Amino acid sequence: MSVASKNKIAFRLLALVFFMLAMSFAAVPFYDWFCRVTGFGGVTQTAVDESDKILERNITVRFDGSLDSNIDWEFKPTQRKMTLRIGETGLAFYEAHNPTDKVIAGTASFNVYPYSAGYYFNKIQCFCFEMQVLQPGETVQMPVTFYVDPEIIDDREAKFVNNITLSYTFHATDLPTDQASLASSVQSTVNKPES
């Protein structure tokens, strides 16, 4: 095998390594885009306005809340289910409580089950769009405004769905720098012994 031939093979292998590396970085945003476009994996849609069409058919939305093991909050839906007409706007609340003596930030991940309904579940406003920061002992009610798109009745799988479960899991998040400095000063005054 000649030197030119070896160099050509080495160049191709190196190009393959760089291509694979580039694809590994592109996979996450591509997968996120794919899930949002198709509703794959129960990923919901984001809407700007309410539906302009409301059907007579009812659908029940069940609410579920859980916590990742690394966050010291209490988190639950304030109601377990809601029945509304397809296309009708619903408003549900979840409650979070920080029973600790420190400031804790959290971010909610979410999905919809059955997965075939994810594409038709539209959130207009949701606490999951932003990080939540709870002070020591603080309890908050967090809203989610949503509707089920009337186009669900035209989907060959989703048209049979009568119950949808909206599930959130809260994960601990690092405090932003400006809030972290405030949190340390609050904690130092909270933990300071009396003289």
N, C-alpha and C. Protein backbone atom coordinates (compact mmCIF):
# COMPACT_ATOMS: atom_id res chain seq x y z
N MET A 1 0.85 -1.18 0.00
CA MET A 1 0.00 0.00 0.00
C MET A 1 0.89 1.23 0.00
N SER A 2 0.61 2.15 -0.87
CA SER A 2 1.44 3.35 -1.02
C SER A 2 1.12 4.36 0.08
N VAL A 3 1.99 5.32 0.25
CA VAL A 3 1.82 6.38 1.23
C VAL A 3 0.59 7.22 0.89
N ALA A 4 0.37 7.50 -0.36
CA ALA A 4 -0.80 8.28 -0.79
C ALA A 4 -2.09 7.55 -0.43
N SER A 5 -2.08 6.24 -0.58
CA SER A 5 -3.24 5.42 -0.26
C SER A 5 -3.52 5.43 1.24
N LYS A 6 -2.44 5.34 2.02
CA LYS A 6 -2.57 5.37 3.50
C LYS A 6 -3.08 6.74 3.95
N ASN A 7 -2.56 7.78 3.35
CA ASN A 7 -3.01 9.14 3.69
C ASN A 7 -4.49 9.34 3.36
N LYS A 8 -4.90 8.78 2.23
CA LYS A 8 -6.31 8.89 1.82
C LYS A 8 -7.22 8.19 2.82
N ILE A 9 -6.82 7.00 3.27
CA ILE A 9 -7.60 6.25 4.26
C ILE A 9 -7.62 7.00 5.59
N ALA A 10 -6.49 7.52 6.01
CA ALA A 10 -6.41 8.28 7.26
C ALA A 10 -7.31 9.52 7.20
N PHE A 11 -7.27 10.21 6.07
CA PHE A 11 -8.11 11.40 5.90
C PHE A 11 -9.59 11.03 5.99
N ARG A 12 -9.98 9.95 5.33
CA ARG A 12 -11.37 9.51 5.38
C ARG A 12 -11.80 9.12 6.78
N LEU A 13 -10.93 8.43 7.50
CA LEU A 13 -11.26 8.05 8.89
C LEU A 13 -11.38 9.29 9.78
N LEU A 14 -10.49 10.23 9.59
CA LEU A 14 -10.54 11.48 10.36
C LEU A 14 -11.82 12.26 10.03
N ALA A 15 -12.17 12.30 8.76
CA ALA A 15 -13.41 12.97 8.35
C ALA A 15 -14.62 12.28 8.97
N LEU A 16 -14.59 10.96 9.02
CA LEU A 16 -15.69 10.20 9.63
C LEU A 16 -15.81 10.52 11.12
N VAL A 17 -14.67 10.61 11.82
CA VAL A 17 -14.68 10.95 13.25
C VAL A 17 -15.28 12.34 13.46
N PHE A 18 -14.88 13.31 12.66
CA PHE A 18 -15.42 14.67 12.80
C PHE A 18 -16.91 14.71 12.47
N PHE A 19 -17.31 13.96 11.45
CA PHE A 19 -18.73 13.89 11.10
C PHE A 19 -19.55 13.30 12.25
N MET A 20 -19.06 12.22 12.85
CA MET A 20 -19.77 11.59 13.97
C MET A 20 -19.84 12.54 15.18
N LEU A 21 -18.76 13.26 15.43
CA LEU A 21 -18.76 14.23 16.52
C LEU A 21 -19.79 15.34 16.26
N ALA A 22 -19.82 15.85 15.05
CA ALA A 22 -20.79 16.89 14.70
C ALA A 22 -22.22 16.37 14.84
N MET A 23 -22.46 15.16 14.41
CA MET A 23 -23.80 14.57 14.51
C MET A 23 -24.21 14.36 15.97
N SER A 24 -23.26 14.04 16.83
CA SER A 24 -23.61 13.86 18.25
C SER A 24 -24.08 15.17 18.86
N PHE A 25 -23.48 16.29 18.46
CA PHE A 25 -23.93 17.58 18.97
C PHE A 25 -25.25 18.01 18.33
N ALA A 26 -25.48 17.63 17.11
CA ALA A 26 -26.71 18.00 16.41
C ALA A 26 -27.89 17.13 16.83
N ALA A 27 -27.63 15.97 17.42
CA ALA A 27 -28.70 15.03 17.74
C ALA A 27 -29.68 15.59 18.77
N VAL A 28 -29.20 16.27 19.78
CA VAL A 28 -30.08 16.76 20.84
C VAL A 28 -31.06 17.82 20.31
N PRO A 29 -30.58 18.88 19.65
CA PRO A 29 -31.56 19.84 19.12
C PRO A 29 -32.46 19.25 18.05
N PHE A 30 -31.91 18.34 17.24
CA PHE A 30 -32.73 17.72 16.21
C PHE A 30 -33.83 16.87 16.86
N TYR A 31 -33.50 16.10 17.89
CA TYR A 31 -34.48 15.27 18.57
C TYR A 31 -35.55 16.14 19.23
N ASP A 32 -35.12 17.24 19.87
CA ASP A 32 -36.07 18.16 20.49
C ASP A 32 -37.02 18.73 19.45
N TRP A 33 -36.48 19.17 18.31
CA TRP A 33 -37.31 19.68 17.22
C TRP A 33 -38.28 18.61 16.72
N PHE A 34 -37.79 17.41 16.51
CA PHE A 34 -38.62 16.30 16.02
C PHE A 34 -39.78 16.03 16.98
N CYS A 35 -39.49 15.98 18.27
CA CYS A 35 -40.54 15.71 19.27
C CYS A 35 -41.58 16.82 19.31
N ARG A 36 -41.15 18.07 19.19
CA ARG A 36 -42.09 19.18 19.22
C ARG A 36 -42.98 19.20 17.97
N VAL A 37 -42.41 18.87 16.84
CA VAL A 37 -43.18 18.89 15.59
C VAL A 37 -44.17 17.74 15.52
N THR A 38 -43.76 16.57 15.98
CA THR A 38 -44.60 15.37 15.84
C THR A 38 -45.38 15.01 17.09
N GLY A 39 -45.01 15.58 18.26
CA GLY A 39 -45.65 15.18 19.51
C GLY A 39 -45.10 13.86 20.02
N PHE A 40 -44.02 13.37 19.42
CA PHE A 40 -43.43 12.10 19.82
C PHE A 40 -43.03 12.15 21.29
N GLY A 41 -43.28 11.05 21.98
CA GLY A 41 -42.91 10.95 23.38
C GLY A 41 -43.77 11.80 24.30
N GLY A 42 -44.94 12.23 23.83
CA GLY A 42 -45.84 13.00 24.67
C GLY A 42 -45.48 14.46 24.81
N VAL A 43 -44.59 14.95 23.95
CA VAL A 43 -44.22 16.36 23.99
C VAL A 43 -45.41 17.19 23.52
N THR A 44 -45.71 18.22 24.28
CA THR A 44 -46.87 19.06 23.99
C THR A 44 -46.50 20.21 23.06
N GLN A 45 -47.51 20.93 22.62
CA GLN A 45 -47.33 22.09 21.76
C GLN A 45 -47.53 23.36 22.59
N THR A 46 -47.00 24.47 22.09
CA THR A 46 -47.19 25.76 22.74
C THR A 46 -48.08 26.60 21.83
N ALA A 47 -49.10 27.22 22.43
CA ALA A 47 -50.04 28.05 21.66
C ALA A 47 -49.98 29.48 22.18
N VAL A 48 -50.30 30.41 21.31
CA VAL A 48 -50.34 31.83 21.68
C VAL A 48 -51.73 32.21 22.17
N ASP A 49 -52.76 31.66 21.52
CA ASP A 49 -54.14 31.98 21.86
C ASP A 49 -54.95 30.72 22.11
N GLU A 50 -56.16 30.96 22.59
CA GLU A 50 -57.11 29.87 22.79
C GLU A 50 -57.55 29.31 21.44
N SER A 51 -58.15 28.13 21.46
CA SER A 51 -58.68 27.54 20.24
C SER A 51 -59.87 28.36 19.75
N ASP A 52 -60.01 28.47 18.45
CA ASP A 52 -61.15 29.20 17.90
C ASP A 52 -62.33 28.26 17.62
N LYS A 53 -62.18 26.99 17.95
CA LYS A 53 -63.23 26.01 17.70
C LYS A 53 -63.37 25.12 18.94
N ILE A 54 -64.60 24.96 19.42
CA ILE A 54 -64.88 24.10 20.56
C ILE A 54 -65.90 23.05 20.13
N LEU A 55 -65.56 21.80 20.35
CA LEU A 55 -66.43 20.70 19.96
C LEU A 55 -67.35 20.30 21.12
N GLU A 56 -68.36 19.53 20.84
CA GLU A 56 -69.27 19.05 21.88
C GLU A 56 -68.70 17.84 22.63
N ARG A 57 -67.71 17.19 22.05
CA ARG A 57 -67.13 16.00 22.66
C ARG A 57 -66.26 16.36 23.86
N ASN A 58 -66.44 15.64 24.97
CA ASN A 58 -65.66 15.88 26.18
C ASN A 58 -64.40 15.01 26.19
N ILE A 59 -63.42 15.51 26.91
CA ILE A 59 -62.19 14.76 27.16
C ILE A 59 -61.77 15.04 28.59
N THR A 60 -61.24 14.04 29.27
CA THR A 60 -60.81 14.20 30.65
C THR A 60 -59.30 14.31 30.70
N VAL A 61 -58.81 15.34 31.39
CA VAL A 61 -57.38 15.53 31.58
C VAL A 61 -57.07 15.22 33.04
N ARG A 62 -56.16 14.28 33.24
CA ARG A 62 -55.70 13.92 34.58
C ARG A 62 -54.36 14.61 34.82
N PHE A 63 -54.12 14.97 36.07
CA PHE A 63 -52.91 15.71 36.41
C PHE A 63 -52.05 14.89 37.36
N ASP A 64 -50.75 14.89 37.10
CA ASP A 64 -49.81 14.13 37.91
C ASP A 64 -48.60 15.00 38.20
N GLY A 65 -48.05 14.87 39.37
CA GLY A 65 -46.86 15.63 39.73
C GLY A 65 -45.89 14.75 40.50
N SER A 66 -44.61 14.85 40.17
CA SER A 66 -43.60 14.08 40.89
C SER A 66 -42.33 14.92 41.02
N LEU A 67 -41.41 14.43 41.82
CA LEU A 67 -40.17 15.14 42.08
C LEU A 67 -38.98 14.25 41.76
N ASP A 68 -37.95 14.85 41.21
CA ASP A 68 -36.69 14.16 41.06
C ASP A 68 -36.12 13.99 42.48
N SER A 69 -35.31 12.98 42.68
CA SER A 69 -34.81 12.70 44.04
C SER A 69 -33.89 13.78 44.59
N ASN A 70 -33.39 14.69 43.75
CA ASN A 70 -32.45 15.70 44.23
C ASN A 70 -33.10 17.05 44.57
N ILE A 71 -34.41 17.12 44.67
CA ILE A 71 -35.06 18.38 45.03
C ILE A 71 -35.92 18.16 46.27
N ASP A 72 -35.72 19.04 47.25
CA ASP A 72 -36.41 18.90 48.54
C ASP A 72 -37.68 19.73 48.60
N TRP A 73 -38.55 19.54 47.66
CA TRP A 73 -39.84 20.22 47.63
C TRP A 73 -40.95 19.22 47.85
N GLU A 74 -42.13 19.75 48.08
CA GLU A 74 -43.37 18.99 47.99
C GLU A 74 -44.07 19.56 46.76
N PHE A 75 -44.63 18.68 45.93
CA PHE A 75 -45.21 19.13 44.66
C PHE A 75 -46.38 18.22 44.29
N LYS A 76 -47.52 18.86 43.99
CA LYS A 76 -48.71 18.07 43.63
C LYS A 76 -49.71 18.93 42.86
N PRO A 77 -50.58 18.29 42.08
CA PRO A 77 -51.67 19.05 41.45
C PRO A 77 -52.72 19.39 42.51
N THR A 78 -53.39 20.52 42.36
CA THR A 78 -54.43 20.88 43.33
C THR A 78 -55.73 20.14 43.04
N GLN A 79 -55.87 19.62 41.83
CA GLN A 79 -57.00 18.76 41.50
C GLN A 79 -56.47 17.63 40.64
N ARG A 80 -57.08 16.47 40.75
CA ARG A 80 -56.57 15.28 40.05
C ARG A 80 -57.05 15.16 38.61
N LYS A 81 -58.22 15.71 38.30
CA LYS A 81 -58.71 15.62 36.92
C LYS A 81 -59.68 16.74 36.62
N MET A 82 -59.86 16.95 35.31
CA MET A 82 -60.76 17.99 34.82
C MET A 82 -61.37 17.48 33.51
N THR A 83 -62.68 17.61 33.40
CA THR A 83 -63.35 17.25 32.15
C THR A 83 -63.76 18.52 31.44
N LEU A 84 -63.38 18.62 30.17
CA LEU A 84 -63.74 19.80 29.39
C LEU A 84 -63.99 19.37 27.95
N ARG A 85 -64.60 20.27 27.20
CA ARG A 85 -64.86 19.98 25.80
C ARG A 85 -63.58 20.16 24.99
N ILE A 86 -63.43 19.38 23.95
CA ILE A 86 -62.26 19.50 23.09
C ILE A 86 -62.27 20.90 22.47
N GLY A 87 -61.15 21.61 22.63
CA GLY A 87 -61.03 22.99 22.15
C GLY A 87 -61.27 24.01 23.25
N GLU A 88 -61.90 23.62 24.33
CA GLU A 88 -62.18 24.53 25.45
C GLU A 88 -60.89 24.74 26.25
N THR A 89 -60.70 25.98 26.71
CA THR A 89 -59.51 26.31 27.49
C THR A 89 -59.70 25.86 28.94
N GLY A 90 -58.69 25.17 29.44
CA GLY A 90 -58.69 24.73 30.83
C GLY A 90 -57.62 25.46 31.62
N LEU A 91 -57.87 25.62 32.91
CA LEU A 91 -56.90 26.24 33.81
C LEU A 91 -56.75 25.32 35.01
N ALA A 92 -55.55 24.81 35.20
CA ALA A 92 -55.27 23.92 36.33
C ALA A 92 -54.12 24.51 37.14
N PHE A 93 -54.04 24.10 38.40
CA PHE A 93 -52.98 24.60 39.27
C PHE A 93 -52.23 23.43 39.89
N TYR A 94 -50.94 23.65 40.04
CA TYR A 94 -50.08 22.74 40.79
C TYR A 94 -49.55 23.53 41.98
N GLU A 95 -49.33 22.83 43.09
CA GLU A 95 -48.83 23.49 44.29
C GLU A 95 -47.44 22.97 44.61
N ALA A 96 -46.53 23.89 44.89
CA ALA A 96 -45.17 23.54 45.29
C ALA A 96 -44.88 24.18 46.64
N HIS A 97 -44.17 23.44 47.49
CA HIS A 97 -43.82 23.94 48.82
C HIS A 97 -42.36 23.60 49.10
N ASN A 98 -41.63 24.58 49.62
CA ASN A 98 -40.24 24.38 50.01
C ASN A 98 -40.19 24.30 51.54
N PRO A 99 -40.12 23.08 52.10
CA PRO A 99 -40.13 22.95 53.56
C PRO A 99 -38.76 23.16 54.20
N THR A 100 -37.75 23.47 53.41
CA THR A 100 -36.39 23.60 53.95
C THR A 100 -36.12 25.02 54.43
N ASP A 101 -34.91 25.23 54.94
CA ASP A 101 -34.50 26.57 55.38
C ASP A 101 -33.56 27.22 54.36
N LYS A 102 -33.61 26.75 53.12
CA LYS A 102 -32.76 27.35 52.08
C LYS A 102 -33.57 27.61 50.80
N VAL A 103 -33.09 28.56 50.02
CA VAL A 103 -33.72 28.89 48.74
C VAL A 103 -33.40 27.75 47.76
N ILE A 104 -34.43 27.28 47.05
CA ILE A 104 -34.23 26.19 46.09
C ILE A 104 -34.90 26.56 44.78
N ALA A 105 -34.18 26.34 43.68
CA ALA A 105 -34.70 26.57 42.34
C ALA A 105 -35.02 25.23 41.69
N GLY A 106 -36.08 25.24 40.88
CA GLY A 106 -36.46 24.01 40.19
C GLY A 106 -36.98 24.30 38.80
N THR A 107 -36.85 23.31 37.94
CA THR A 107 -37.37 23.39 36.58
C THR A 107 -38.22 22.15 36.34
N ALA A 108 -39.38 22.33 35.72
CA ALA A 108 -40.28 21.21 35.48
C ALA A 108 -40.11 20.66 34.07
N SER A 109 -40.01 19.34 34.00
CA SER A 109 -40.11 18.67 32.70
C SER A 109 -41.52 18.10 32.64
N PHE A 110 -42.01 17.82 31.44
CA PHE A 110 -43.40 17.42 31.32
C PHE A 110 -43.58 16.45 30.16
N ASN A 111 -44.68 15.74 30.20
CA ASN A 111 -45.11 14.97 29.04
C ASN A 111 -46.59 14.68 29.16
N VAL A 112 -47.14 14.17 28.06
CA VAL A 112 -48.56 13.84 27.98
C VAL A 112 -48.67 12.36 27.61
N TYR A 113 -49.59 11.69 28.24
CA TYR A 113 -49.87 10.30 27.89
C TYR A 113 -51.36 10.15 27.62
N PRO A 114 -51.79 9.46 26.61
CA PRO A 114 -51.00 8.69 25.66
C PRO A 114 -50.21 9.60 24.73
N TYR A 115 -49.09 9.09 24.26
CA TYR A 115 -48.19 9.88 23.43
C TYR A 115 -48.87 10.41 22.17
N SER A 116 -49.83 9.68 21.65
CA SER A 116 -50.51 10.12 20.42
C SER A 116 -51.28 11.42 20.64
N ALA A 117 -51.58 11.76 21.89
CA ALA A 117 -52.31 13.00 22.18
C ALA A 117 -51.37 14.19 22.38
N GLY A 118 -50.07 13.94 22.52
CA GLY A 118 -49.12 15.01 22.79
C GLY A 118 -49.13 16.13 21.77
N TYR A 119 -49.24 15.75 20.51
CA TYR A 119 -49.24 16.75 19.44
C TYR A 119 -50.45 17.68 19.53
N TYR A 120 -51.54 17.22 20.11
CA TYR A 120 -52.79 17.99 20.15
C TYR A 120 -53.02 18.70 21.49
N PHE A 121 -52.11 18.49 22.44
CA PHE A 121 -52.22 19.15 23.73
C PHE A 121 -51.44 20.45 23.67
N ASN A 122 -52.16 21.58 23.73
CA ASN A 122 -51.56 22.91 23.58
C ASN A 122 -51.54 23.66 24.90
N LYS A 123 -50.35 24.12 25.29
CA LYS A 123 -50.23 24.94 26.50
C LYS A 123 -50.09 26.40 26.08
N ILE A 124 -50.96 27.23 26.63
CA ILE A 124 -50.93 28.66 26.35
C ILE A 124 -49.98 29.34 27.34
N GLN A 125 -50.10 28.96 28.59
CA GLN A 125 -49.26 29.51 29.65
C GLN A 125 -48.94 28.37 30.61
N CYS A 126 -47.69 28.33 31.08
CA CYS A 126 -47.31 27.23 31.97
C CYS A 126 -46.13 27.62 32.84
N PHE A 127 -46.18 27.19 34.09
CA PHE A 127 -45.07 27.40 35.00
C PHE A 127 -43.82 26.67 34.51
N CYS A 128 -44.02 25.67 33.66
CA CYS A 128 -42.89 24.88 33.16
C CYS A 128 -42.06 25.64 32.12
N PHE A 129 -42.54 26.79 31.67
CA PHE A 129 -41.79 27.57 30.69
C PHE A 129 -40.61 28.29 31.34
N GLU A 130 -40.63 28.41 32.67
CA GLU A 130 -39.60 29.16 33.38
C GLU A 130 -39.15 28.42 34.63
N MET A 131 -37.94 28.74 35.08
CA MET A 131 -37.44 28.20 36.32
C MET A 131 -38.25 28.80 37.48
N GLN A 132 -38.51 28.00 38.50
CA GLN A 132 -39.24 28.46 39.68
C GLN A 132 -38.26 28.51 40.86
N VAL A 133 -38.32 29.59 41.63
CA VAL A 133 -37.46 29.74 42.80
C VAL A 133 -38.36 29.90 44.02
N LEU A 134 -38.18 29.01 45.00
CA LEU A 134 -38.98 29.08 46.22
C LEU A 134 -38.09 29.42 47.41
N GLN A 135 -38.56 30.38 48.18
CA GLN A 135 -37.86 30.79 49.40
C GLN A 135 -38.13 29.75 50.50
N PRO A 136 -37.36 29.77 51.57
CA PRO A 136 -37.59 28.82 52.66
C PRO A 136 -39.02 28.93 53.20
N GLY A 137 -39.71 27.81 53.28
CA GLY A 137 -41.07 27.76 53.79
C GLY A 137 -42.14 28.26 52.83
N GLU A 138 -41.78 28.69 51.66
CA GLU A 138 -42.73 29.27 50.71
C GLU A 138 -43.58 28.19 50.02
N THR A 139 -44.86 28.50 49.84
CA THR A 139 -45.78 27.66 49.09
C THR A 139 -46.36 28.51 47.96
N VAL A 140 -46.39 27.95 46.76
CA VAL A 140 -46.93 28.69 45.62
C VAL A 140 -47.92 27.83 44.85
N GLN A 141 -48.89 28.51 44.22
CA GLN A 141 -49.83 27.88 43.29
C GLN A 141 -49.35 28.27 41.90
N MET A 142 -49.11 27.27 41.06
CA MET A 142 -48.57 27.53 39.73
C MET A 142 -49.59 27.10 38.67
N PRO A 143 -49.98 28.03 37.78
CA PRO A 143 -51.02 27.73 36.79
C PRO A 143 -50.47 27.12 35.50
N VAL A 144 -51.34 26.36 34.85
CA VAL A 144 -51.10 25.91 33.48
C VAL A 144 -52.41 26.11 32.73
N THR A 145 -52.36 26.86 31.63
CA THR A 145 -53.53 27.12 30.79
C THR A 145 -53.35 26.33 29.51
N PHE A 146 -54.36 25.58 29.12
CA PHE A 146 -54.20 24.64 28.00
C PHE A 146 -55.52 24.38 27.29
N TYR A 147 -55.43 23.72 26.15
CA TYR A 147 -56.60 23.17 25.46
C TYR A 147 -56.16 21.99 24.61
N VAL A 148 -57.12 21.14 24.27
CA VAL A 148 -56.86 20.02 23.38
C VAL A 148 -57.36 20.44 22.00
N ASP A 149 -56.46 20.41 21.03
CA ASP A 149 -56.76 20.86 19.68
C ASP A 149 -57.86 20.01 19.06
N PRO A 150 -58.91 20.65 18.51
CA PRO A 150 -59.99 19.89 17.87
C PRO A 150 -59.54 18.97 16.74
N GLU A 151 -58.38 19.21 16.18
CA GLU A 151 -57.88 18.33 15.12
C GLU A 151 -57.58 16.92 15.61
N ILE A 152 -57.62 16.72 16.93
CA ILE A 152 -57.38 15.39 17.49
C ILE A 152 -58.38 14.37 16.94
N ILE A 153 -59.59 14.83 16.62
CA ILE A 153 -60.61 13.89 16.15
C ILE A 153 -60.35 13.38 14.74
N ASP A 154 -59.41 14.00 14.03
CA ASP A 154 -59.06 13.56 12.68
C ASP A 154 -57.84 12.65 12.65
N ASP A 155 -57.18 12.47 13.78
CA ASP A 155 -55.99 11.62 13.85
C ASP A 155 -56.41 10.16 13.98
N ARG A 156 -55.80 9.29 13.19
CA ARG A 156 -56.25 7.89 13.17
C ARG A 156 -56.04 7.17 14.50
N GLU A 157 -55.08 7.58 15.32
CA GLU A 157 -54.89 6.97 16.64
C GLU A 157 -55.50 7.81 17.75
N ALA A 158 -55.19 9.10 17.73
CA ALA A 158 -55.59 9.98 18.83
C ALA A 158 -57.09 10.21 18.92
N LYS A 159 -57.82 9.98 17.84
CA LYS A 159 -59.27 10.23 17.87
C LYS A 159 -60.00 9.34 18.87
N PHE A 160 -59.37 8.24 19.30
CA PHE A 160 -59.99 7.34 20.27
C PHE A 160 -59.65 7.70 21.71
N VAL A 161 -58.84 8.70 21.90
CA VAL A 161 -58.41 9.10 23.25
C VAL A 161 -59.54 9.82 23.96
N ASN A 162 -59.88 9.34 25.16
CA ASN A 162 -60.89 9.99 26.00
C ASN A 162 -60.29 10.57 27.27
N ASN A 163 -59.09 10.09 27.63
CA ASN A 163 -58.39 10.54 28.84
C ASN A 163 -56.95 10.87 28.48
N ILE A 164 -56.49 12.01 28.97
CA ILE A 164 -55.10 12.44 28.77
C ILE A 164 -54.51 12.69 30.14
N THR A 165 -53.28 12.25 30.34
CA THR A 165 -52.57 12.54 31.59
C THR A 165 -51.47 13.55 31.31
N LEU A 166 -51.51 14.68 32.02
CA LEU A 166 -50.47 15.70 31.95
C LEU A 166 -49.60 15.52 33.18
N SER A 167 -48.35 15.21 32.95
CA SER A 167 -47.45 14.87 34.05
C SER A 167 -46.26 15.82 34.09
N TYR A 168 -45.93 16.28 35.29
CA TYR A 168 -44.77 17.14 35.50
C TYR A 168 -43.83 16.50 36.51
N THR A 169 -42.54 16.66 36.28
CA THR A 169 -41.52 16.26 37.26
C THR A 169 -40.62 17.46 37.48
N PHE A 170 -40.45 17.85 38.75
CA PHE A 170 -39.56 18.97 39.07
C PHE A 170 -38.16 18.46 39.35
N HIS A 171 -37.18 19.18 38.81
CA HIS A 171 -35.76 18.87 38.98
C HIS A 171 -35.07 20.07 39.61
N ALA A 172 -34.10 19.83 40.49
CA ALA A 172 -33.33 20.93 41.08
C ALA A 172 -32.51 21.61 40.00
N THR A 173 -32.43 22.93 40.11
CA THR A 173 -31.68 23.76 39.16
C THR A 173 -30.78 24.69 39.95
N ASP A 174 -29.59 24.96 39.42
CA ASP A 174 -28.71 25.92 40.08
C ASP A 174 -29.37 27.29 40.07
N LEU A 175 -29.25 27.99 41.19
CA LEU A 175 -29.79 29.34 41.28
C LEU A 175 -29.01 30.27 40.36
N PRO A 176 -29.70 31.21 39.72
CA PRO A 176 -28.97 32.23 38.95
C PRO A 176 -28.04 33.00 39.90
N THR A 177 -26.95 33.51 39.38
CA THR A 177 -25.93 34.16 40.20
C THR A 177 -26.50 35.25 41.10
N ASP A 178 -27.37 36.12 40.55
CA ASP A 178 -27.92 37.21 41.36
C ASP A 178 -28.79 36.67 42.50
N GLN A 179 -29.54 35.61 42.26
CA GLN A 179 -30.38 35.04 43.32
C GLN A 179 -29.57 34.19 44.27
N ALA A 180 -28.51 33.57 43.81
CA ALA A 180 -27.67 32.74 44.68
C ALA A 180 -27.00 33.61 45.73
N SER A 181 -26.56 34.82 45.35
CA SER A 181 -25.93 35.71 46.33
C SER A 181 -26.96 36.19 47.34
N LEU A 182 -28.20 36.44 46.91
CA LEU A 182 -29.26 36.81 47.84
C LEU A 182 -29.58 35.64 48.77
N ALA A 183 -29.60 34.44 48.21
CA ALA A 183 -29.92 33.25 49.00
C ALA A 183 -28.90 33.03 50.11
N SER A 184 -27.62 33.24 49.82
CA SER A 184 -26.61 33.02 50.85
C SER A 184 -26.73 34.06 51.96
N SER A 185 -27.10 35.30 51.64
CA SER A 185 -27.27 36.31 52.68
C SER A 185 -28.52 36.03 53.50
N VAL A 186 -29.59 35.52 52.86
CA VAL A 186 -30.80 35.14 53.59
C VAL A 186 -30.49 33.97 54.51
N GLN A 187 -29.78 32.97 54.01
CA GLN A 187 -29.48 31.81 54.82
C GLN A 187 -28.58 32.17 56.00
N SER A 188 -27.64 33.11 55.80
CA SER A 188 -26.76 33.47 56.90
C SER A 188 -27.56 34.17 58.00
N THR A 189 -28.59 34.95 57.68
CA THR A 189 -29.38 35.58 58.71
C THR A 189 -30.35 34.58 59.34
N VAL A 190 -30.82 33.60 58.54
CA VAL A 190 -31.75 32.60 59.07
C VAL A 190 -31.03 31.70 60.07
N ASN A 191 -29.78 31.34 59.77
CA ASN A 191 -29.05 30.39 60.60
C ASN A 191 -28.23 31.05 61.71
N LYS A 192 -28.27 32.37 61.81
CA LYS A 192 -27.47 33.10 62.80
C LYS A 192 -28.06 32.91 64.20
N PRO A 193 -27.28 32.46 65.16
CA PRO A 193 -27.80 32.29 66.54
C PRO A 193 -28.05 33.67 67.17
N GLU A 194 -29.04 33.68 68.05
CA GLU A 194 -29.35 34.94 68.74
C GLU A 194 -28.28 35.22 69.78
N SER A 195 -27.98 36.54 70.01
CA SER A 195 -26.96 36.90 70.99
C SER A 195 -27.59 37.19 72.32
